[in-house]
Structures are given as structure tokens and as C-alpha cells.
Amino acid sequence: MHEITSTDNIVLHREMAWHGLGTVVEEAPTPEEALKIADMDWVVNRTMGVRGVTSNGDTFHSNKWVLNVRSDTSDVLGCVSENFSPIQNRELANFCTELSMDSVVKVESAGSLMGGRKVWFLLKSDTFNVGPNDDPVTPYILVANGHDGSMAFTGMTTSVRVVCNNTLSWAMQGSGKVFSYKHSSGIWGKLPAAKIAMRKALVGRQDFVDACQHLRNVTMTRDQVQDFFLDMYAKVVDPIVKMDATDRQKADESDRRYNNAFSNIYEISANFDYESSIAGATYWNAFNATSRWLQARGRKGGDHATVNKVMGLASENTSKAFKLALDAAGS
């Protein structure tokens, strides 16, 4: 089930989303334009003090908690601490606009989820091809914010491999997260550093392009393919160990995990066979076979899958697999 409610809206450049909701525009909008098209030009008001009823039926009042209320619908977005400092949607749009000093920032998509509890702007960079074949990758910058206390103000780099919709971060170390700040009273003093960090990530885009090209240029033997998948699975998913346990229950669990590991590796290998039949046995295709499986693993579909790919465990694991591929390819 997607998380776009009747009070949410999104704007998309050219292509309709899977759920058919939102406003599609032919020309990519600026963050300011996207704010208006997606009906995000509302503010978060704060209601000081919270009244409620305990499980015993007693009423209470606390000044340590605040209700964040959406101005246009009067819906409560979240109950947060008195120290919570909201970043308004317009301020988020301004932040995106100021990321580039020498060109106009364009939006690929923007909108809200869960009735406005979470909002985002996805900014698109230039698409590049990996290797001589038509294998396009599109880099993006994601800037997201939460009004309910469950999401920090976050900036990330991410990419989509267009041919199979794989996503991968383009940070060379760890995940693609560039910054993540809690909504404390000091968050406003951190915004200049966040802009600098994101601009550095933009400059580092060429490192990511070079890394992808390197993976595409290094071929693999069948033994190297097997070693890479075994190493990746053990380090990213689950150690591959078959225990000689005397306890029957522990032995059965060990056998289950061991057999499950090789069943999953067989599925990844099938992905690789398909990839390599098109573009050769390279570390780039070994990585993409891995990322396809990692992002399909435990998929619920819809927005859950999108969030997981871009900001959740699938994103983190894909980043780890990318780094392992670079190490194995001798980057």
C-alpha cells in the first residue's frame, strides 16, 4: 500500500509514478515551482503543551511536548519534544535552490507522504553511459525532511541504472548519505555545512563515474565471479557457516541458513548470467546482478520499496556491495 494520502501530492518530470498519482510536467520545475505544483506551500505550526488521558483514565498536561500541525488541513503531523525545530517546506526548497551557484537546479520529483509527515525533493544530474554499450546511469541528489519526529533532515546521493531500475549511492565510502541532522535547536547553524557537504558531493560525481567505468572495464573469470558472490553474501547478508552443532534445533537452523545462502547465491548468479550475456563478464555486471537481488529482497512493493532502495537497508547493502566490487576489481 502506498503512503500517499488524499492530502498529499507529488510532481514528476515527464513520467507518471507506478500508482498513477501526482502531477506530471513536461519541463523539469525549479524547487520553488515544484513547491507550488505539489501543493507543499503550507507551514508547520506548533501547539505548545499536550493534553491527554492515561490508560487509567486520568487526564494530564505536559509542556515538554509539542504538536506539529499542518496549516492548510489542521492535521497533527506529530507529537515532538519542545526542542524540536521544524524546517519548513519553503526553507527546504530554498536549500535545494542554493545547492548550485552557477546553474538552475531542476527537480525530477518532489512531494509529501503520509499526509505531509515526510517531504522530499529529488534533483537530477546529467545521465552518463557505462562503457561502450547503452547502459545509462542517472545520478540524483535527494533532500528529505520529516515533520513527525521520525526522520532527520537528510541529504543523499543516489543513482538509477535505467536499464533495470537499480539504485546505487555514489559515495565512494559507506552509504550515499551526505548529511543527517536531527531537528534540535542548533539545526539552523548546521545548514551552511550541509550545503558545503552537498556541493562537495556534486564535485565528487566524476569519481563515481570513473568508478563505474573501471568496474565495466575489468573482466572476471568464473572463479572470480564465484569468489565475489560468496564474499559479498558473507559480508553483506549473512556469514556462510555450516555448524556441527550437537543441539538438533541449532543444527537445523544452521543447515537452513547454509542452504538458504546457496539458494540465494544461485539466484544472484542467474542475474549475472543474464547481465553477462548482454554486456560481458565484468565486475560492473557482477555488481548489478547483486544489487538487483539486494533491492528485490524482502520487497513489499510501492513506496515501501522506493524508500528502502533509496534510504533504507537495501541502499546501505548496495553501497557495501559496490565498495566490495571496487576492491575486488583492484580500484
Protein backbone atom coordinates (compact mmCIF):
# COMPACT_ATOMS: atom_id res chain seq x y z
CA MET A 1 0.00 0.00 0.00
CA HIS A 2 1.48 3.33 -0.99
CA GLU A 3 1.80 6.12 1.58
CA ILE A 4 0.31 8.95 -0.49
CA THR A 5 -2.89 10.09 1.22
CA SER A 6 -5.69 12.36 -0.01
CA THR A 7 -3.86 15.38 1.45
CA ASP A 8 -0.56 14.58 -0.28
CA ASN A 9 0.55 15.50 -3.77
CA ILE A 10 3.65 14.97 -5.88
CA VAL A 11 5.11 16.50 -9.02
CA LEU A 12 7.03 14.36 -11.53
CA HIS A 13 9.10 15.27 -14.55
CA ARG A 14 7.68 13.58 -17.68
CA GLU A 15 6.99 10.08 -16.28
CA MET A 16 3.96 9.06 -14.22
CA ALA A 17 4.64 7.15 -11.00
CA TRP A 18 3.63 3.48 -10.65
CA HIS A 19 0.49 4.37 -8.66
CA GLY A 20 -0.76 6.88 -11.25
CA LEU A 21 -0.96 9.71 -8.72
CA GLY A 22 0.60 13.16 -8.89
CA THR A 23 1.07 15.89 -11.48
CA VAL A 24 3.33 15.18 -14.47
CA VAL A 25 5.04 18.18 -16.07
CA GLU A 26 6.92 18.26 -19.38
CA GLU A 27 9.58 20.74 -18.25
CA ALA A 28 11.50 19.98 -15.06
CA PRO A 29 10.48 22.60 -12.47
CA THR A 30 12.67 24.59 -10.13
CA PRO A 31 12.30 23.78 -6.40
CA GLU A 32 10.14 26.90 -5.99
CA GLU A 33 7.88 25.82 -8.85
CA ALA A 34 7.73 22.24 -7.57
CA LEU A 35 6.69 23.51 -4.13
CA LYS A 36 3.58 25.10 -5.64
CA ILE A 37 2.71 22.37 -8.15
CA ALA A 38 2.89 19.69 -5.43
CA ASP A 39 0.74 21.79 -3.06
CA MET A 40 3.55 21.82 -0.50
CA ASP A 41 3.42 25.55 0.21
CA TRP A 42 1.99 25.04 3.69
CA VAL A 43 3.71 25.54 7.02
CA VAL A 44 4.12 23.57 10.23
CA ASN A 45 2.55 25.32 13.19
CA ARG A 46 3.43 24.36 16.76
CA THR A 47 0.87 23.88 19.51
CA MET A 48 2.61 24.15 22.86
CA GLY A 49 1.62 21.69 25.55
CA VAL A 50 -0.07 18.32 25.16
CA ARG A 51 -3.22 17.15 26.92
CA GLY A 52 -4.22 13.53 27.07
CA VAL A 53 -5.67 10.64 29.03
CA THR A 54 -3.65 7.85 30.64
CA SER A 55 -4.57 4.17 30.44
CA ASN A 56 -6.10 4.58 33.89
CA GLY A 57 -8.39 7.34 32.66
CA ASP A 58 -6.51 10.18 34.34
CA THR A 59 -6.07 13.41 32.39
CA PHE A 60 -2.66 15.03 32.11
CA HIS A 61 -0.98 18.11 30.65
CA SER A 62 2.69 18.42 29.69
CA ASN A 63 4.63 21.41 28.39
CA LYS A 64 7.56 19.16 27.40
CA TRP A 65 5.79 18.04 24.24
CA VAL A 66 4.58 19.96 21.19
CA LEU A 67 2.11 19.12 18.45
CA ASN A 68 3.26 19.87 14.90
CA VAL A 69 0.14 20.89 12.98
CA ARG A 70 -0.20 21.29 9.20
CA SER A 71 -1.53 24.78 8.44
CA ASP A 72 -3.83 24.02 5.49
CA THR A 73 -5.57 20.93 6.88
CA SER A 74 -5.09 21.37 10.66
CA ASP A 75 -3.93 17.74 10.76
CA VAL A 76 -1.49 16.77 13.50
CA LEU A 77 1.78 15.69 11.86
CA GLY A 78 3.49 14.54 15.04
CA CYS A 79 3.97 14.89 18.76
CA VAL A 80 7.56 16.04 19.30
CA SER A 81 9.71 17.40 22.10
CA GLU A 82 9.73 21.07 22.95
CA ASN A 83 13.26 21.30 21.48
CA PHE A 84 12.12 20.16 18.02
CA SER A 85 12.98 22.85 15.45
CA PRO A 86 11.00 22.39 12.21
CA ILE A 87 12.41 23.11 8.76
CA GLN A 88 9.54 24.43 6.69
CA ASN A 89 8.88 23.13 3.19
CA ARG A 90 9.72 26.51 1.64
CA GLU A 91 13.03 26.53 3.51
CA LEU A 92 13.72 23.04 2.14
CA ALA A 93 13.04 24.31 -1.38
CA ASN A 94 15.36 27.28 -0.81
CA PHE A 95 18.07 24.89 0.41
CA CYS A 96 17.79 22.90 -2.83
CA THR A 97 17.92 26.06 -4.93
CA GLU A 98 21.13 27.19 -3.24
CA LEU A 99 22.98 23.91 -3.86
CA SER A 100 24.19 25.17 -7.23
CA MET A 101 25.74 28.60 -7.67
CA ASP A 102 26.27 28.51 -11.45
CA SER A 103 23.19 26.79 -12.86
CA VAL A 104 19.45 26.44 -12.29
CA VAL A 105 18.55 23.50 -10.06
CA LYS A 106 15.85 21.29 -11.61
CA VAL A 107 13.55 18.84 -9.84
CA GLU A 108 12.91 15.29 -11.04
CA SER A 109 10.23 14.73 -8.40
CA ALA A 110 9.01 16.31 -5.18
CA GLY A 111 6.14 15.81 -2.81
CA SER A 112 4.90 14.62 0.53
CA LEU A 113 3.99 11.27 2.07
CA MET A 114 1.81 10.22 4.98
CA GLY A 115 -0.27 13.37 4.97
CA GLY A 116 2.78 15.64 5.00
CA ARG A 117 4.76 13.87 7.69
CA LYS A 118 7.60 13.36 5.22
CA VAL A 119 8.57 15.60 2.29
CA TRP A 120 11.30 15.36 -0.36
CA PHE A 121 12.95 16.94 -3.39
CA LEU A 122 14.80 14.75 -5.92
CA LEU A 123 17.27 16.76 -8.03
CA LYS A 124 18.59 15.30 -11.29
CA SER A 125 22.12 15.42 -12.68
CA ASP A 126 23.33 14.52 -16.18
CA THR A 127 22.95 10.88 -17.31
CA PHE A 128 26.10 9.04 -18.38
CA ASN A 129 26.73 5.71 -20.10
CA VAL A 130 28.88 2.99 -18.55
CA GLY A 131 31.20 1.54 -21.16
CA PRO A 132 30.63 1.42 -24.92
CA ASN A 133 27.23 -0.24 -24.63
CA ASP A 134 23.99 1.64 -23.98
CA ASP A 135 23.91 1.25 -20.18
CA PRO A 136 22.75 4.63 -18.82
CA VAL A 137 23.08 5.70 -15.19
CA THR A 138 21.35 8.83 -13.87
CA PRO A 139 22.73 10.49 -10.71
CA TYR A 140 20.36 12.25 -8.32
CA ILE A 141 20.51 14.25 -5.12
CA LEU A 142 17.78 13.52 -2.61
CA VAL A 143 16.91 16.10 0.07
CA ALA A 144 14.29 14.87 2.54
CA ASN A 145 12.74 16.10 5.75
CA GLY A 146 10.31 14.86 8.40
CA HIS A 147 7.72 16.80 10.39
CA ASP A 148 6.67 13.97 12.73
CA GLY A 149 9.96 13.35 14.54
CA SER A 150 10.75 10.09 12.74
CA MET A 151 13.07 11.46 10.04
CA ALA A 152 16.05 13.77 10.31
CA PHE A 153 16.82 16.48 7.78
CA THR A 154 18.75 14.34 5.29
CA GLY A 155 20.79 14.77 2.11
CA MET A 156 21.84 11.81 -0.04
CA THR A 157 23.41 10.98 -3.36
CA THR A 158 21.80 8.15 -5.28
CA SER A 159 21.65 6.87 -8.86
CA VAL A 160 19.36 4.79 -11.00
CA ARG A 161 20.65 2.37 -13.59
CA VAL A 162 17.95 2.98 -16.15
CA VAL A 163 18.07 -0.41 -17.86
CA CYS A 164 16.85 -2.27 -14.79
CA ASN A 165 15.92 0.45 -12.27
CA ASN A 166 18.71 -0.50 -9.86
CA THR A 167 19.63 2.23 -7.40
CA LEU A 168 23.12 2.81 -6.03
CA SER A 169 24.66 5.50 -3.91
CA TRP A 170 27.57 7.42 -5.43
CA ALA A 171 29.56 7.97 -2.29
CA MET A 172 32.89 6.18 -2.51
CA GLN A 173 32.84 5.17 1.16
CA GLY A 174 29.86 3.75 3.02
CA SER A 175 26.35 4.77 2.04
CA GLY A 176 25.32 7.72 -0.08
CA LYS A 177 24.19 9.76 2.90
CA VAL A 178 25.92 13.15 2.84
CA PHE A 179 24.37 14.64 5.98
CA SER A 180 21.68 13.85 8.54
CA TYR A 181 20.71 16.38 11.21
CA LYS A 182 18.16 15.95 13.97
CA HIS A 183 15.66 18.76 14.43
CA SER A 184 17.32 20.19 17.52
CA SER A 185 17.54 23.89 18.33
CA GLY A 186 21.02 24.01 16.77
CA ILE A 187 20.00 22.71 13.34
CA TRP A 188 20.00 26.17 11.75
CA GLY A 189 23.68 26.59 12.49
CA LYS A 190 24.39 23.36 10.58
CA LEU A 191 22.72 24.33 7.31
CA PRO A 192 25.79 26.12 5.84
CA ALA A 193 27.89 23.00 6.47
CA ALA A 194 25.17 20.84 4.90
CA LYS A 195 25.26 22.96 1.73
CA ILE A 196 29.05 22.72 1.56
CA ALA A 197 28.94 18.93 2.04
CA MET A 198 26.36 18.54 -0.71
CA ARG A 199 28.31 20.72 -3.13
CA LYS A 200 31.41 18.59 -2.45
CA ALA A 201 29.32 15.53 -3.27
CA LEU A 202 28.35 17.15 -6.56
CA VAL A 203 32.01 17.77 -7.36
CA GLY A 204 32.75 14.14 -6.46
CA ARG A 205 30.30 12.90 -9.10
CA GLN A 206 33.19 12.36 -11.53
CA ASP A 207 34.82 9.94 -9.06
CA PHE A 208 31.64 7.89 -9.17
CA VAL A 209 31.57 7.95 -12.98
CA ASP A 210 35.20 6.81 -13.09
CA ALA A 211 34.50 4.01 -10.59
CA CYS A 212 31.59 2.69 -12.67
CA GLN A 213 33.72 2.80 -15.83
CA HIS A 214 36.51 0.93 -14.04
CA LEU A 215 34.13 -1.85 -12.97
CA ARG A 216 32.87 -2.03 -16.54
CA ASN A 217 36.41 -2.42 -17.94
CA VAL A 218 37.63 -5.23 -15.64
CA THR A 219 36.59 -8.71 -16.75
CA MET A 220 36.16 -11.72 -14.48
CA THR A 221 36.87 -15.42 -14.68
CA ARG A 222 34.21 -17.87 -13.49
CA ASP A 223 36.21 -18.50 -10.30
CA GLN A 224 36.38 -14.76 -9.61
CA VAL A 225 32.63 -14.48 -10.12
CA GLN A 226 32.05 -17.26 -7.59
CA ASP A 227 34.51 -15.76 -5.10
CA PHE A 228 32.90 -12.34 -5.38
CA PHE A 229 29.36 -13.60 -4.76
CA LEU A 230 30.48 -15.74 -1.81
CA ASP A 231 32.44 -12.86 -0.29
CA MET A 232 29.63 -10.37 -0.88
CA TYR A 233 26.99 -12.62 0.67
CA ALA A 234 29.10 -13.40 3.74
CA LYS A 235 30.00 -9.74 4.39
CA VAL A 236 26.75 -8.02 3.39
CA VAL A 237 23.96 -10.53 4.02
CA ASP A 238 24.86 -13.42 6.33
CA PRO A 239 28.03 -15.41 7.16
CA ILE A 240 28.13 -18.72 5.30
CA VAL A 241 28.97 -21.21 8.05
CA LYS A 242 27.70 -24.73 8.50
CA MET A 243 27.90 -25.64 12.19
CA ASP A 244 28.42 -29.13 13.58
CA ALA A 245 26.00 -28.47 16.41
CA THR A 246 25.00 -31.26 18.78
CA ASP A 247 21.77 -29.46 19.58
CA ARG A 248 19.25 -30.60 16.96
CA GLN A 249 17.44 -27.24 16.84
CA LYS A 250 20.70 -25.31 16.35
CA ALA A 251 21.87 -27.82 13.75
CA ASP A 252 18.61 -27.48 11.80
CA GLU A 253 18.87 -23.67 11.90
CA SER A 254 22.48 -23.84 10.72
CA ASP A 255 21.53 -26.11 7.83
CA ARG A 256 18.64 -23.83 6.90
CA ARG A 257 20.82 -20.71 6.76
CA TYR A 258 23.58 -22.55 4.87
CA ASN A 259 21.18 -23.93 2.25
CA ASN A 260 19.38 -20.59 2.01
CA ALA A 261 22.68 -18.83 1.33
CA PHE A 262 23.50 -21.00 -1.66
CA SER A 263 19.94 -20.79 -2.95
CA ASN A 264 20.22 -17.00 -2.89
CA ILE A 265 23.67 -17.03 -4.50
CA TYR A 266 22.25 -19.22 -7.25
CA GLU A 267 19.59 -16.55 -7.88
CA ILE A 268 22.25 -13.81 -7.99
CA SER A 269 24.29 -15.94 -10.39
CA ALA A 270 21.26 -16.27 -12.66
CA ASN A 271 21.04 -12.46 -12.70
CA PHE A 272 24.72 -12.32 -13.63
CA ASP A 273 24.35 -14.84 -16.44
CA TYR A 274 21.66 -12.61 -17.94
CA GLU A 275 23.77 -9.46 -17.48
CA SER A 276 26.95 -11.04 -18.89
CA SER A 277 25.14 -12.44 -21.94
CA ILE A 278 24.40 -8.84 -22.91
CA ALA A 279 27.49 -6.93 -21.81
CA GLY A 280 30.18 -9.44 -20.81
CA ALA A 281 31.54 -10.93 -17.60
CA THR A 282 32.67 -7.76 -15.81
CA TYR A 283 32.65 -6.51 -12.22
CA TRP A 284 30.08 -3.91 -13.25
CA ASN A 285 27.65 -6.63 -14.25
CA ALA A 286 28.50 -8.71 -11.17
CA PHE A 287 27.68 -5.70 -9.00
CA ASN A 288 24.42 -5.02 -10.85
CA ALA A 289 23.37 -8.65 -10.55
CA THR A 290 23.98 -8.32 -6.81
CA SER A 291 22.15 -5.02 -6.45
CA ARG A 292 19.12 -6.32 -8.33
CA TRP A 293 18.83 -9.13 -5.82
CA LEU A 294 19.52 -6.95 -2.77
CA GLN A 295 16.81 -4.48 -3.76
CA ALA A 296 14.24 -7.17 -4.57
CA ARG A 297 14.92 -8.95 -1.26
CA GLY A 298 12.00 -8.58 1.14
CA ARG A 299 10.26 -6.19 -1.22
CA LYS A 300 6.76 -5.08 -0.22
CA GLY A 301 6.18 -3.02 -3.33
CA GLY A 302 5.14 0.55 -3.89
CA ASP A 303 6.56 3.38 -1.84
CA HIS A 304 7.91 0.93 0.73
CA ALA A 305 10.24 -0.45 -1.92
CA THR A 306 11.23 3.01 -3.12
CA VAL A 307 12.12 4.23 0.36
CA ASN A 308 14.02 1.02 1.08
CA LYS A 309 16.02 1.29 -2.14
CA VAL A 310 16.97 4.91 -1.67
CA MET A 311 17.22 5.39 2.11
CA GLY A 312 16.84 2.02 3.83
CA LEU A 313 18.75 -1.21 4.32
CA ALA A 314 18.78 -2.00 0.59
CA SER A 315 20.64 1.26 -0.04
CA GLU A 316 23.22 0.52 2.66
CA ASN A 317 23.80 -3.03 1.44
CA THR A 318 24.07 -1.92 -2.19
CA SER A 319 26.73 0.60 -1.17
CA LYS A 320 28.68 -2.12 0.63
CA ALA A 321 28.48 -4.37 -2.43
CA PHE A 322 29.69 -1.52 -4.65
CA LYS A 323 32.74 -0.98 -2.42
CA LEU A 324 33.48 -4.74 -2.39
CA ALA A 325 33.30 -4.80 -6.20
CA LEU A 326 35.77 -1.90 -6.41
CA ASP A 327 38.15 -3.65 -4.01
CA ALA A 328 37.90 -6.93 -5.94
CA ALA A 329 38.45 -5.16 -9.26
CA GLY A 330 41.61 -3.53 -7.94
CA SER A 331 40.45 0.08 -7.93
